[in-house]
């Protein structure tokens, strides 16, 4: 009986896994698999989330890698961090900061309904290209995050130092 339960569980896992992978073609799946292998070799523990994105933690923060199902030759890959708006990082503040943040940079900040992201994007034909620039992209994203942090605290300090009426 226990063996039947395990077999049934394995069949469900395979069905769910195939449904997640169904959106990508063979080459895109291979790229995603190669990127996951690279992350594993680097000491991360990548997993596929419900959207088919690779999710992994770095220093307690969840990062996401998406292999697009649209582009095949070359393939489109993005590395991103997502955050929800809060009292300091309001949608309006992030929107007002986009010009300064996004000018002349490979990493972009994007707005969504209830969140924003820092995202590095690239086209490539094989995972080695991604592997070669992975840490540079991470550094660039963290640099942009730091820049927005500095802008937010500068704005907060300006507001705190204004005389109350």
C-alpha atoms as a PDB file:
ATOM      1  CA  UNK A   1       0.000   0.000   0.000  1.00  0.00           C
ATOM      2  CA  UNK A   2       2.808   2.431   0.914  1.00  0.00           C
ATOM      3  CA  UNK A   3       4.484   1.649  -2.395  1.00  0.00           C
ATOM      4  CA  UNK A   4       1.273   2.531  -4.272  1.00  0.00           C
ATOM      5  CA  UNK A   5       1.052   5.845  -2.413  1.00  0.00           C
ATOM      6  CA  UNK A   6       4.653   6.661  -3.367  1.00  0.00           C
ATOM      7  CA  UNK A   7       3.985   5.718  -6.992  1.00  0.00           C
ATOM      8  CA  UNK A   8       0.839   7.839  -7.046  1.00  0.00           C
ATOM      9  CA  UNK A   9       2.765  10.756  -5.470  1.00  0.00           C
ATOM     10  CA  UNK A  10       5.523  10.405  -8.057  1.00  0.00           C
ATOM     11  CA  UNK A  11       2.974  10.450 -10.882  1.00  0.00           C
ATOM     12  CA  UNK A  12       1.439  13.666  -9.497  1.00  0.00           C
ATOM     13  CA  UNK A  13       4.880  15.297  -9.174  1.00  0.00           C
ATOM     14  CA  UNK A  14       5.714  14.321 -12.757  1.00  0.00           C
ATOM     15  CA  UNK A  15       2.410  15.702 -14.022  1.00  0.00           C
ATOM     16  CA  UNK A  16       2.925  19.013 -12.201  1.00  0.00           C
ATOM     17  CA  UNK A  17       6.542  19.226 -13.370  1.00  0.00           C
ATOM     18  CA  UNK A  18       5.574  18.530 -16.973  1.00  0.00           C
ATOM     19  CA  UNK A  19       2.839  21.175 -16.766  1.00  0.00           C
ATOM     20  CA  UNK A  20       5.372  23.738 -15.534  1.00  0.00           C
ATOM     21  CA  UNK A  21       7.844  22.794 -18.258  1.00  0.00           C
ATOM     22  CA  UNK A  22       5.175  22.590 -20.992  1.00  0.00           C
ATOM     23  CA  UNK A  23       5.421  26.288 -21.769  1.00  0.00           C
ATOM     24  CA  UNK A  24       9.112  26.102 -22.765  1.00  0.00           C
ATOM     25  CA  UNK A  25      10.534  24.311 -25.764  1.00  0.00           C
ATOM     26  CA  UNK A  26      13.327  21.756 -25.414  1.00  0.00           C
ATOM     27  CA  UNK A  27      16.136  24.270 -25.863  1.00  0.00           C
ATOM     28  CA  UNK A  28      14.598  26.715 -23.377  1.00  0.00           C
ATOM     29  CA  UNK A  29      14.099  23.906 -20.845  1.00  0.00           C
ATOM     30  CA  UNK A  30      17.725  22.887 -21.295  1.00  0.00           C
ATOM     31  CA  UNK A  31      18.866  26.452 -20.693  1.00  0.00           C
ATOM     32  CA  UNK A  32      16.776  26.693 -17.526  1.00  0.00           C
ATOM     33  CA  UNK A  33      18.122  23.327 -16.352  1.00  0.00           C
ATOM     34  CA  UNK A  34      21.720  24.399 -17.072  1.00  0.00           C
ATOM     35  CA  UNK A  35      21.224  27.637 -15.131  1.00  0.00           C
ATOM     36  CA  UNK A  36      19.775  25.680 -12.207  1.00  0.00           C
ATOM     37  CA  UNK A  37      22.806  23.356 -12.305  1.00  0.00           C
ATOM     38  CA  UNK A  38      25.149  26.351 -12.283  1.00  0.00           C
ATOM     39  CA  UNK A  39      23.338  27.859  -9.285  1.00  0.00           C
ATOM     40  CA  UNK A  40      23.515  24.528  -7.456  1.00  0.00           C
ATOM     41  CA  UNK A  41      27.249  24.278  -8.144  1.00  0.00           C
ATOM     42  CA  UNK A  42      27.656  27.807  -6.750  1.00  0.00           C
ATOM     43  CA  UNK A  43      26.020  26.747  -3.491  1.00  0.00           C
ATOM     44  CA  UNK A  44      22.540  28.118  -4.068  1.00  0.00           C
ATOM     45  CA  UNK A  45      19.474  25.920  -3.785  1.00  0.00           C
ATOM     46  CA  UNK A  46      17.394  26.817  -6.843  1.00  0.00           C
ATOM     47  CA  UNK A  47      13.800  25.708  -7.176  1.00  0.00           C
ATOM     48  CA  UNK A  48      11.097  26.287  -9.753  1.00  0.00           C
ATOM     49  CA  UNK A  49       8.240  28.419  -8.479  1.00  0.00           C
ATOM     50  CA  UNK A  50       4.620  28.197  -9.580  1.00  0.00           C
ATOM     51  CA  UNK A  51       5.308  30.501 -12.559  1.00  0.00           C
ATOM     52  CA  UNK A  52       8.187  28.363 -13.840  1.00  0.00           C
ATOM     53  CA  UNK A  53      10.779  30.883 -12.681  1.00  0.00           C
ATOM     54  CA  UNK A  54      13.948  29.747 -10.984  1.00  0.00           C
ATOM     55  CA  UNK A  55      13.870  31.011  -7.398  1.00  0.00           C
ATOM     56  CA  UNK A  56      16.907  31.005  -5.120  1.00  0.00           C
ATOM     57  CA  UNK A  57      18.007  32.793  -1.983  1.00  0.00           C
ATOM     58  CA  UNK A  58      21.128  34.864  -1.700  1.00  0.00           C
ATOM     59  CA  UNK A  59      21.858  36.428   1.682  1.00  0.00           C
ATOM     60  CA  UNK A  60      18.257  35.852   2.766  1.00  0.00           C
ATOM     61  CA  UNK A  61      16.716  37.552  -0.270  1.00  0.00           C
ATOM     62  CA  UNK A  62      14.803  35.615  -2.936  1.00  0.00           C
ATOM     63  CA  UNK A  63      16.000  36.201  -6.496  1.00  0.00           C
ATOM     64  CA  UNK A  64      14.211  35.067  -9.653  1.00  0.00           C
ATOM     65  CA  UNK A  65      15.449  33.972 -13.066  1.00  0.00           C
ATOM     66  CA  UNK A  66      13.015  33.661 -15.937  1.00  0.00           C
ATOM     67  CA  UNK A  67      13.661  31.996 -19.259  1.00  0.00           C
ATOM     68  CA  UNK A  68      11.113  33.407 -21.686  1.00  0.00           C
ATOM     69  CA  UNK A  69       8.945  31.015 -23.655  1.00  0.00           C
ATOM     70  CA  UNK A  70       8.766  33.488 -26.551  1.00  0.00           C
ATOM     71  CA  UNK A  71      12.330  33.770 -27.844  1.00  0.00           C
ATOM     72  CA  UNK A  72      14.232  30.701 -29.026  1.00  0.00           C
ATOM     73  CA  UNK A  73      17.285  31.861 -30.959  1.00  0.00           C
ATOM     74  CA  UNK A  74      18.698  33.607 -29.012  1.00  0.00           C
ATOM     75  CA  UNK A  75      16.791  33.035 -25.790  1.00  0.00           C
ATOM     76  CA  UNK A  76      15.691  35.792 -23.421  1.00  0.00           C
ATOM     77  CA  UNK A  77      16.650  35.505 -19.735  1.00  0.00           C
ATOM     78  CA  UNK A  78      16.040  37.907 -16.865  1.00  0.00           C
ATOM     79  CA  UNK A  79      17.406  38.045 -13.330  1.00  0.00           C
ATOM     80  CA  UNK A  80      15.234  40.003 -10.904  1.00  0.00           C
ATOM     81  CA  UNK A  81      14.469  41.051  -7.353  1.00  0.00           C
ATOM     82  CA  UNK A  82      10.872  41.989  -6.473  1.00  0.00           C
ATOM     83  CA  UNK A  83       9.707  44.224  -3.631  1.00  0.00           C
ATOM     84  CA  UNK A  84       6.319  45.477  -2.522  1.00  0.00           C
ATOM     85  CA  UNK A  85       5.700  49.148  -1.926  1.00  0.00           C
ATOM     86  CA  UNK A  86       5.752  50.421   1.647  1.00  0.00           C
ATOM     87  CA  UNK A  87       5.715  53.724   3.524  1.00  0.00           C
ATOM     88  CA  UNK A  88       9.221  54.654   2.393  1.00  0.00           C
ATOM     89  CA  UNK A  89       9.227  53.015  -1.031  1.00  0.00           C
ATOM     90  CA  UNK A  90       5.854  54.187  -2.272  1.00  0.00           C
ATOM     91  CA  UNK A  91       4.796  53.696  -5.877  1.00  0.00           C
ATOM     92  CA  UNK A  92       5.056  57.466  -6.409  1.00  0.00           C
ATOM     93  CA  UNK A  93       8.577  57.613  -4.955  1.00  0.00           C
ATOM     94  CA  UNK A  94       9.834  54.729  -7.112  1.00  0.00           C
ATOM     95  CA  UNK A  95       8.125  56.255 -10.164  1.00  0.00           C
ATOM     96  CA  UNK A  96       9.793  59.622  -9.536  1.00  0.00           C
ATOM     97  CA  UNK A  97      13.160  57.862  -9.122  1.00  0.00           C
ATOM     98  CA  UNK A  98      13.015  55.896 -12.377  1.00  0.00           C
ATOM     99  CA  UNK A  99      14.670  58.572 -14.511  1.00  0.00           C
ATOM    100  CA  UNK A 100      17.748  58.739 -12.341  1.00  0.00           C
ATOM    101  CA  UNK A 101      17.818  54.993 -11.688  1.00  0.00           C
ATOM    102  CA  UNK A 102      17.371  53.764 -15.236  1.00  0.00           C
ATOM    103  CA  UNK A 103      19.525  56.233 -17.174  1.00  0.00           C
ATOM    104  CA  UNK A 104      22.546  54.635 -18.801  1.00  0.00           C
ATOM    105  CA  UNK A 105      22.323  51.355 -16.895  1.00  0.00           C
ATOM    106  CA  UNK A 106      22.008  47.730 -17.925  1.00  0.00           C
ATOM    107  CA  UNK A 107      19.747  47.030 -14.943  1.00  0.00           C
ATOM    108  CA  UNK A 108      16.274  48.542 -14.929  1.00  0.00           C
ATOM    109  CA  UNK A 109      13.739  49.268 -12.238  1.00  0.00           C
ATOM    110  CA  UNK A 110      10.174  48.448 -13.254  1.00  0.00           C
ATOM    111  CA  UNK A 111       6.840  49.261 -11.630  1.00  0.00           C
ATOM    112  CA  UNK A 112       3.894  46.914 -11.227  1.00  0.00           C
ATOM    113  CA  UNK A 113       0.531  47.280  -9.520  1.00  0.00           C
ATOM    114  CA  UNK A 114       1.640  46.471  -5.975  1.00  0.00           C
ATOM    115  CA  UNK A 115       5.364  45.953  -6.409  1.00  0.00           C
ATOM    116  CA  UNK A 116       8.505  46.979  -8.237  1.00  0.00           C
ATOM    117  CA  UNK A 117      11.569  45.115  -9.441  1.00  0.00           C
ATOM    118  CA  UNK A 118      15.202  45.491 -10.277  1.00  0.00           C
ATOM    119  CA  UNK A 119      15.851  43.472 -13.421  1.00  0.00           C
ATOM    120  CA  UNK A 120      18.827  42.574 -15.598  1.00  0.00           C
ATOM    121  CA  UNK A 121      17.958  41.088 -18.973  1.00  0.00           C
ATOM    122  CA  UNK A 122      19.935  39.440 -21.718  1.00  0.00           C
ATOM    123  CA  UNK A 123      19.679  37.372 -24.877  1.00  0.00           C
ATOM    124  CA  UNK A 124      21.852  34.287 -25.106  1.00  0.00           C
ATOM    125  CA  UNK A 125      22.220  30.919 -26.793  1.00  0.00           C
ATOM    126  CA  UNK A 126      23.697  28.922 -23.918  1.00  0.00           C
ATOM    127  CA  UNK A 127      23.908  28.984 -20.136  1.00  0.00           C
ATOM    128  CA  UNK A 128      27.679  29.595 -20.094  1.00  0.00           C
ATOM    129  CA  UNK A 129      27.023  33.163 -21.232  1.00  0.00           C
ATOM    130  CA  UNK A 130      24.718  33.671 -18.257  1.00  0.00           C
ATOM    131  CA  UNK A 131      27.124  31.933 -15.880  1.00  0.00           C
ATOM    132  CA  UNK A 132      29.966  34.222 -16.977  1.00  0.00           C
ATOM    133  CA  UNK A 133      28.063  37.416 -16.098  1.00  0.00           C
ATOM    134  CA  UNK A 134      25.857  36.195 -13.241  1.00  0.00           C
ATOM    135  CA  UNK A 135      27.825  37.799 -10.415  1.00  0.00           C
ATOM    136  CA  UNK A 136      28.283  41.037 -12.373  1.00  0.00           C
ATOM    137  CA  UNK A 137      24.512  41.234 -12.889  1.00  0.00           C
ATOM    138  CA  UNK A 138      23.922  40.547  -9.192  1.00  0.00           C
ATOM    139  CA  UNK A 139      26.355  43.348  -8.303  1.00  0.00           C
ATOM    140  CA  UNK A 140      24.655  45.758 -10.714  1.00  0.00           C
ATOM    141  CA  UNK A 141      21.213  44.967  -9.298  1.00  0.00           C
ATOM    142  CA  UNK A 142      22.474  45.419  -5.739  1.00  0.00           C
ATOM    143  CA  UNK A 143      24.120  48.694  -6.766  1.00  0.00           C
ATOM    144  CA  UNK A 144      20.809  49.974  -8.142  1.00  0.00           C
ATOM    145  CA  UNK A 145      19.013  48.835  -4.992  1.00  0.00           C
ATOM    146  CA  UNK A 146      21.581  50.742  -2.921  1.00  0.00           C
ATOM    147  CA  UNK A 147      21.092  53.832  -5.097  1.00  0.00           C
ATOM    148  CA  UNK A 148      17.325  53.756  -4.520  1.00  0.00           C
ATOM    149  CA  UNK A 149      17.957  53.254  -0.778  1.00  0.00           C
ATOM    150  CA  UNK A 150      20.155  56.359  -0.715  1.00  0.00           C
ATOM    151  CA  UNK A 151      17.542  58.368  -2.596  1.00  0.00           C
ATOM    152  CA  UNK A 152      14.801  57.213  -0.219  1.00  0.00           C
ATOM    153  CA  UNK A 153      16.738  58.091   2.920  1.00  0.00           C
ATOM    154  CA  UNK A 154      17.780  61.430   1.453  1.00  0.00           C
ATOM    155  CA  UNK A 155      14.139  62.243   0.739  1.00  0.00           C
ATOM    156  CA  UNK A 156      13.098  61.030   4.188  1.00  0.00           C
ATOM    157  CA  UNK A 157      15.746  63.210   5.855  1.00  0.00           C
ATOM    158  CA  UNK A 158      14.636  66.237   3.822  1.00  0.00           C
ATOM    159  CA  UNK A 159      11.059  65.672   4.939  1.00  0.00           C
ATOM    160  CA  UNK A 160      12.124  65.230   8.584  1.00  0.00           C
ATOM    161  CA  UNK A 161      14.133  68.473   8.504  1.00  0.00           C
ATOM    162  CA  UNK A 162      11.364  70.639   7.051  1.00  0.00           C
ATOM    163  CA  UNK A 163       9.735  72.990   9.574  1.00  0.00           C
ATOM    164  CA  UNK A 164       6.275  71.962  10.734  1.00  0.00           C
ATOM    165  CA  UNK A 165       3.513  74.467  10.072  1.00  0.00           C
END
